Amino acid sequence: MDAVLQALADPSRRTVLAILRDHEATAGELADALPIARPGVSRHLRVLREAGLVDVRQESQRRIYALRPEALVPVDDWLEDYRALWQNRLDALHTEIARGKKARK
């Protein structure tokens, strides 16, 4: 999970994942979407591959990248306790707002 979190820490890598969430893309397409040089994009793609967040396949001269959403499952599991904490707080806030509205009537 640490490798995934470290990969997610960079905004350029998050942009790549956002693109790949919608569709597979070539390295060139991903490079065109980022304001950095192609060697930098290649380094970001390597980090994402090593973290297990993307797969790559070769088609002729092109490398096609695809998102591996299952790599995010451990992060989602870890966040579940925090999600529950916030949900409880939001439920309590909703209750207090409803009480305030009743008191004003």
N, C-alpha and C. Protein backbone atom coordinates (compact mmCIF):
# COMPACT_ATOMS: atom_id res chain seq x y z
N MET A 1 0.82 -1.19 0.00
CA MET A 1 0.00 0.00 0.00
C MET A 1 0.87 1.26 0.00
N ASP A 2 2.04 1.22 0.62
CA ASP A 2 2.91 2.39 0.66
C ASP A 2 3.31 2.83 -0.74
N ALA A 3 3.62 1.89 -1.62
CA ALA A 3 4.00 2.24 -2.99
C ALA A 3 2.84 2.91 -3.72
N VAL A 4 1.64 2.44 -3.47
CA VAL A 4 0.46 3.04 -4.11
C VAL A 4 0.27 4.47 -3.60
N LEU A 5 0.36 4.66 -2.29
CA LEU A 5 0.19 6.01 -1.73
C LEU A 5 1.28 6.95 -2.22
N GLN A 6 2.51 6.47 -2.31
CA GLN A 6 3.59 7.31 -2.83
C GLN A 6 3.33 7.67 -4.29
N ALA A 7 2.84 6.71 -5.06
CA ALA A 7 2.52 6.99 -6.47
C ALA A 7 1.40 8.02 -6.57
N LEU A 8 0.42 7.93 -5.69
CA LEU A 8 -0.71 8.85 -5.72
C LEU A 8 -0.35 10.25 -5.24
N ALA A 9 0.78 10.39 -4.58
CA ALA A 9 1.17 11.68 -4.01
C ALA A 9 1.49 12.72 -5.08
N ASP A 10 1.80 12.30 -6.28
CA ASP A 10 2.20 13.23 -7.33
C ASP A 10 1.00 13.62 -8.20
N PRO A 11 0.78 14.93 -8.40
CA PRO A 11 -0.37 15.36 -9.20
C PRO A 11 -0.33 14.89 -10.65
N SER A 12 0.85 14.79 -11.24
CA SER A 12 0.94 14.31 -12.62
C SER A 12 0.50 12.86 -12.72
N ARG A 13 0.88 12.07 -11.73
CA ARG A 13 0.47 10.66 -11.74
C ARG A 13 -1.03 10.54 -11.51
N ARG A 14 -1.59 11.40 -10.68
CA ARG A 14 -3.04 11.38 -10.49
C ARG A 14 -3.76 11.77 -11.78
N THR A 15 -3.18 12.69 -12.54
CA THR A 15 -3.76 13.06 -13.83
C THR A 15 -3.74 11.87 -14.78
N VAL A 16 -2.63 11.15 -14.81
CA VAL A 16 -2.54 9.95 -15.66
C VAL A 16 -3.62 8.96 -15.26
N LEU A 17 -3.78 8.72 -13.97
CA LEU A 17 -4.80 7.77 -13.52
C LEU A 17 -6.21 8.25 -13.89
N ALA A 18 -6.45 9.55 -13.81
CA ALA A 18 -7.76 10.08 -14.18
C ALA A 18 -8.05 9.84 -15.66
N ILE A 19 -7.04 10.00 -16.49
CA ILE A 19 -7.22 9.73 -17.91
C ILE A 19 -7.50 8.25 -18.13
N LEU A 20 -6.70 7.41 -17.48
CA LEU A 20 -6.84 5.97 -17.66
C LEU A 20 -8.12 5.43 -17.04
N ARG A 21 -8.70 6.17 -16.12
CA ARG A 21 -9.98 5.76 -15.54
C ARG A 21 -11.06 5.74 -16.62
N ASP A 22 -10.94 6.67 -17.57
CA ASP A 22 -11.94 6.78 -18.63
C ASP A 22 -11.65 5.89 -19.84
N HIS A 23 -10.36 5.69 -20.14
CA HIS A 23 -10.01 4.90 -21.32
C HIS A 23 -8.52 4.58 -21.31
N GLU A 24 -8.18 3.52 -22.01
CA GLU A 24 -6.77 3.19 -22.19
C GLU A 24 -6.13 4.28 -23.05
N ALA A 25 -4.80 4.44 -22.91
CA ALA A 25 -4.12 5.48 -23.67
C ALA A 25 -2.69 5.06 -23.96
N THR A 26 -2.16 5.60 -25.04
CA THR A 26 -0.76 5.35 -25.36
C THR A 26 0.10 6.29 -24.52
N ALA A 27 1.37 5.96 -24.46
CA ALA A 27 2.31 6.82 -23.74
C ALA A 27 2.31 8.22 -24.36
N GLY A 28 2.22 8.29 -25.67
CA GLY A 28 2.20 9.58 -26.35
C GLY A 28 0.97 10.41 -25.99
N GLU A 29 -0.18 9.77 -25.94
CA GLU A 29 -1.41 10.49 -25.56
C GLU A 29 -1.30 11.01 -24.13
N LEU A 30 -0.74 10.21 -23.26
CA LEU A 30 -0.57 10.64 -21.87
C LEU A 30 0.42 11.79 -21.79
N ALA A 31 1.49 11.72 -22.57
CA ALA A 31 2.49 12.79 -22.58
C ALA A 31 1.88 14.09 -23.08
N ASP A 32 1.00 13.99 -24.08
CA ASP A 32 0.35 15.20 -24.61
C ASP A 32 -0.56 15.85 -23.57
N ALA A 33 -1.05 15.09 -22.63
CA ALA A 33 -1.98 15.62 -21.61
C ALA A 33 -1.27 16.25 -20.42
N LEU A 34 0.04 16.07 -20.34
CA LEU A 34 0.80 16.58 -19.19
C LEU A 34 1.76 17.68 -19.61
N PRO A 35 1.97 18.66 -18.74
CA PRO A 35 2.87 19.77 -19.09
C PRO A 35 4.34 19.46 -18.75
N ILE A 36 4.76 18.25 -19.00
CA ILE A 36 6.14 17.86 -18.72
C ILE A 36 6.71 17.13 -19.93
N ALA A 37 8.03 17.04 -19.97
CA ALA A 37 8.70 16.38 -21.09
C ALA A 37 8.43 14.88 -21.07
N ARG A 38 8.54 14.26 -22.23
CA ARG A 38 8.25 12.82 -22.36
C ARG A 38 9.09 11.94 -21.44
N PRO A 39 10.38 12.24 -21.23
CA PRO A 39 11.13 11.40 -20.28
C PRO A 39 10.53 11.44 -18.88
N GLY A 40 10.00 12.59 -18.47
CA GLY A 40 9.34 12.69 -17.17
C GLY A 40 8.07 11.86 -17.12
N VAL A 41 7.33 11.86 -18.21
CA VAL A 41 6.11 11.05 -18.29
C VAL A 41 6.48 9.57 -18.18
N SER A 42 7.55 9.18 -18.86
CA SER A 42 8.00 7.78 -18.80
C SER A 42 8.35 7.40 -17.36
N ARG A 43 8.99 8.29 -16.64
CA ARG A 43 9.32 7.99 -15.23
C ARG A 43 8.05 7.84 -14.40
N HIS A 44 7.07 8.72 -14.63
CA HIS A 44 5.80 8.61 -13.90
C HIS A 44 5.10 7.30 -14.21
N LEU A 45 5.11 6.91 -15.48
CA LEU A 45 4.47 5.65 -15.86
C LEU A 45 5.18 4.46 -15.24
N ARG A 46 6.50 4.53 -15.12
CA ARG A 46 7.24 3.45 -14.48
C ARG A 46 6.85 3.34 -13.00
N VAL A 47 6.73 4.47 -12.31
CA VAL A 47 6.32 4.46 -10.90
C VAL A 47 4.93 3.85 -10.77
N LEU A 48 4.01 4.24 -11.65
CA LEU A 48 2.65 3.70 -11.60
C LEU A 48 2.63 2.21 -11.88
N ARG A 49 3.46 1.78 -12.82
CA ARG A 49 3.56 0.34 -13.13
C ARG A 49 4.11 -0.44 -11.94
N GLU A 50 5.18 0.07 -11.35
CA GLU A 50 5.81 -0.61 -10.22
C GLU A 50 4.88 -0.66 -9.00
N ALA A 51 4.01 0.33 -8.86
CA ALA A 51 3.04 0.33 -7.76
C ALA A 51 1.85 -0.56 -8.06
N GLY A 52 1.77 -1.08 -9.28
CA GLY A 52 0.67 -1.95 -9.66
C GLY A 52 -0.59 -1.22 -10.08
N LEU A 53 -0.48 0.09 -10.31
CA LEU A 53 -1.66 0.89 -10.65
C LEU A 53 -2.00 0.88 -12.13
N VAL A 54 -1.02 0.56 -12.97
CA VAL A 54 -1.29 0.49 -14.41
C VAL A 54 -0.66 -0.77 -15.00
N ASP A 55 -1.25 -1.23 -16.07
CA ASP A 55 -0.70 -2.31 -16.89
C ASP A 55 -0.29 -1.69 -18.21
N VAL A 56 0.67 -2.31 -18.86
CA VAL A 56 1.08 -1.85 -20.18
C VAL A 56 1.16 -3.06 -21.11
N ARG A 57 0.74 -2.84 -22.35
CA ARG A 57 0.88 -3.89 -23.35
C ARG A 57 1.42 -3.25 -24.62
N GLN A 58 2.13 -4.04 -25.36
CA GLN A 58 2.74 -3.58 -26.60
C GLN A 58 1.82 -3.91 -27.77
N GLU A 59 1.55 -2.94 -28.60
CA GLU A 59 0.82 -3.14 -29.86
C GLU A 59 1.66 -2.49 -30.95
N SER A 60 2.32 -3.32 -31.72
CA SER A 60 3.26 -2.83 -32.74
C SER A 60 4.30 -1.93 -32.08
N GLN A 61 4.36 -0.69 -32.47
CA GLN A 61 5.34 0.25 -31.90
C GLN A 61 4.78 1.04 -30.72
N ARG A 62 3.53 0.78 -30.39
CA ARG A 62 2.89 1.59 -29.34
C ARG A 62 2.80 0.81 -28.03
N ARG A 63 2.88 1.55 -26.94
CA ARG A 63 2.65 0.99 -25.62
C ARG A 63 1.30 1.53 -25.14
N ILE A 64 0.41 0.63 -24.81
CA ILE A 64 -0.93 1.00 -24.38
C ILE A 64 -1.02 0.79 -22.87
N TYR A 65 -1.43 1.83 -22.17
CA TYR A 65 -1.54 1.78 -20.71
C TYR A 65 -3.00 1.68 -20.30
N ALA A 66 -3.25 0.90 -19.25
CA ALA A 66 -4.60 0.71 -18.72
C ALA A 66 -4.54 0.76 -17.19
N LEU A 67 -5.58 1.29 -16.61
CA LEU A 67 -5.70 1.37 -15.16
C LEU A 67 -5.94 -0.01 -14.56
N ARG A 68 -5.33 -0.27 -13.41
CA ARG A 68 -5.58 -1.49 -12.63
C ARG A 68 -6.26 -1.05 -11.33
N PRO A 69 -7.58 -0.86 -11.33
CA PRO A 69 -8.26 -0.34 -10.15
C PRO A 69 -8.14 -1.23 -8.93
N GLU A 70 -7.91 -2.54 -9.14
CA GLU A 70 -7.79 -3.43 -7.98
C GLU A 70 -6.60 -3.06 -7.09
N ALA A 71 -5.63 -2.34 -7.63
CA ALA A 71 -4.49 -1.91 -6.82
C ALA A 71 -4.91 -0.88 -5.77
N LEU A 72 -6.06 -0.27 -5.95
CA LEU A 72 -6.55 0.73 -5.00
C LEU A 72 -7.37 0.12 -3.86
N VAL A 73 -7.67 -1.16 -3.94
CA VAL A 73 -8.50 -1.81 -2.92
C VAL A 73 -7.88 -1.70 -1.52
N PRO A 74 -6.58 -1.96 -1.34
CA PRO A 74 -6.03 -1.81 0.01
C PRO A 74 -6.15 -0.39 0.56
N VAL A 75 -6.02 0.61 -0.29
CA VAL A 75 -6.18 2.00 0.15
C VAL A 75 -7.63 2.25 0.54
N ASP A 76 -8.56 1.75 -0.26
CA ASP A 76 -9.98 1.90 0.05
C ASP A 76 -10.32 1.21 1.38
N ASP A 77 -9.76 0.03 1.58
CA ASP A 77 -9.99 -0.68 2.85
C ASP A 77 -9.46 0.12 4.03
N TRP A 78 -8.28 0.69 3.86
CA TRP A 78 -7.67 1.48 4.94
C TRP A 78 -8.50 2.72 5.24
N LEU A 79 -9.07 3.33 4.21
CA LEU A 79 -9.87 4.54 4.37
C LEU A 79 -11.25 4.28 4.96
N GLU A 80 -11.69 3.03 4.96
CA GLU A 80 -13.05 2.71 5.41
C GLU A 80 -13.33 3.21 6.83
N ASP A 81 -12.40 3.03 7.74
CA ASP A 81 -12.61 3.50 9.12
C ASP A 81 -12.79 5.01 9.17
N TYR A 82 -12.02 5.72 8.36
CA TYR A 82 -12.13 7.18 8.33
C TYR A 82 -13.42 7.61 7.66
N ARG A 83 -13.83 6.86 6.64
CA ARG A 83 -15.10 7.15 5.96
C ARG A 83 -16.25 6.99 6.96
N ALA A 84 -16.22 5.94 7.76
CA ALA A 84 -17.26 5.71 8.76
C ALA A 84 -17.26 6.84 9.80
N LEU A 85 -16.08 7.28 10.21
CA LEU A 85 -15.98 8.38 11.17
C LEU A 85 -16.65 9.63 10.62
N TRP A 86 -16.35 9.98 9.37
CA TRP A 86 -16.96 11.17 8.79
C TRP A 86 -18.45 11.00 8.56
N GLN A 87 -18.87 9.80 8.20
CA GLN A 87 -20.30 9.58 7.99
C GLN A 87 -21.07 9.79 9.30
N ASN A 88 -20.51 9.30 10.40
CA ASN A 88 -21.14 9.50 11.71
C ASN A 88 -21.22 10.99 12.05
N ARG A 89 -20.15 11.72 11.76
CA ARG A 89 -20.15 13.16 12.05
C ARG A 89 -21.15 13.90 11.16
N LEU A 90 -21.22 13.52 9.92
CA LEU A 90 -22.18 14.16 9.03
C LEU A 90 -23.61 13.84 9.42
N ASP A 91 -23.86 12.60 9.86
CA ASP A 91 -25.19 12.24 10.35
C ASP A 91 -25.56 13.08 11.57
N ALA A 92 -24.61 13.27 12.48
CA ALA A 92 -24.87 14.08 13.67
C ALA A 92 -25.14 15.53 13.29
N LEU A 93 -24.41 16.05 12.31
CA LEU A 93 -24.64 17.42 11.84
C LEU A 93 -26.04 17.53 11.24
N HIS A 94 -26.42 16.56 10.44
CA HIS A 94 -27.75 16.56 9.84
C HIS A 94 -28.84 16.58 10.93
N THR A 95 -28.63 15.79 11.98
CA THR A 95 -29.59 15.75 13.08
C THR A 95 -29.69 17.11 13.76
N GLU A 96 -28.56 17.77 14.00
CA GLU A 96 -28.56 19.08 14.66
C GLU A 96 -29.23 20.14 13.79
N ILE A 97 -29.01 20.07 12.49
CA ILE A 97 -29.65 21.02 11.58
C ILE A 97 -31.16 20.82 11.60
N ALA A 98 -31.59 19.56 11.59
CA ALA A 98 -33.03 19.27 11.64
C ALA A 98 -33.64 19.77 12.94
N ARG A 99 -32.94 19.60 14.06
CA ARG A 99 -33.44 20.10 15.35
C ARG A 99 -33.56 21.62 15.34
N GLY A 100 -32.57 22.27 14.73
CA GLY A 100 -32.60 23.74 14.66
C GLY A 100 -33.77 24.23 13.84
N LYS A 101 -34.09 23.54 12.77
CA LYS A 101 -35.22 23.93 11.93
C LYS A 101 -36.55 23.75 12.68
N LYS A 102 -36.66 22.66 13.44
CA LYS A 102 -37.88 22.42 14.21
C LYS A 102 -38.04 23.47 15.30
N ALA A 103 -36.93 23.86 15.92
CA ALA A 103 -36.98 24.84 17.02
C ALA A 103 -37.41 26.22 16.51
N ARG A 104 -37.12 26.54 15.26
CA ARG A 104 -37.47 27.85 14.70
C ARG A 104 -38.93 27.93 14.29
N LYS A 105 -39.59 26.82 14.13
CA LYS A 105 -40.99 26.81 13.65
C LYS A 105 -41.95 27.16 14.74
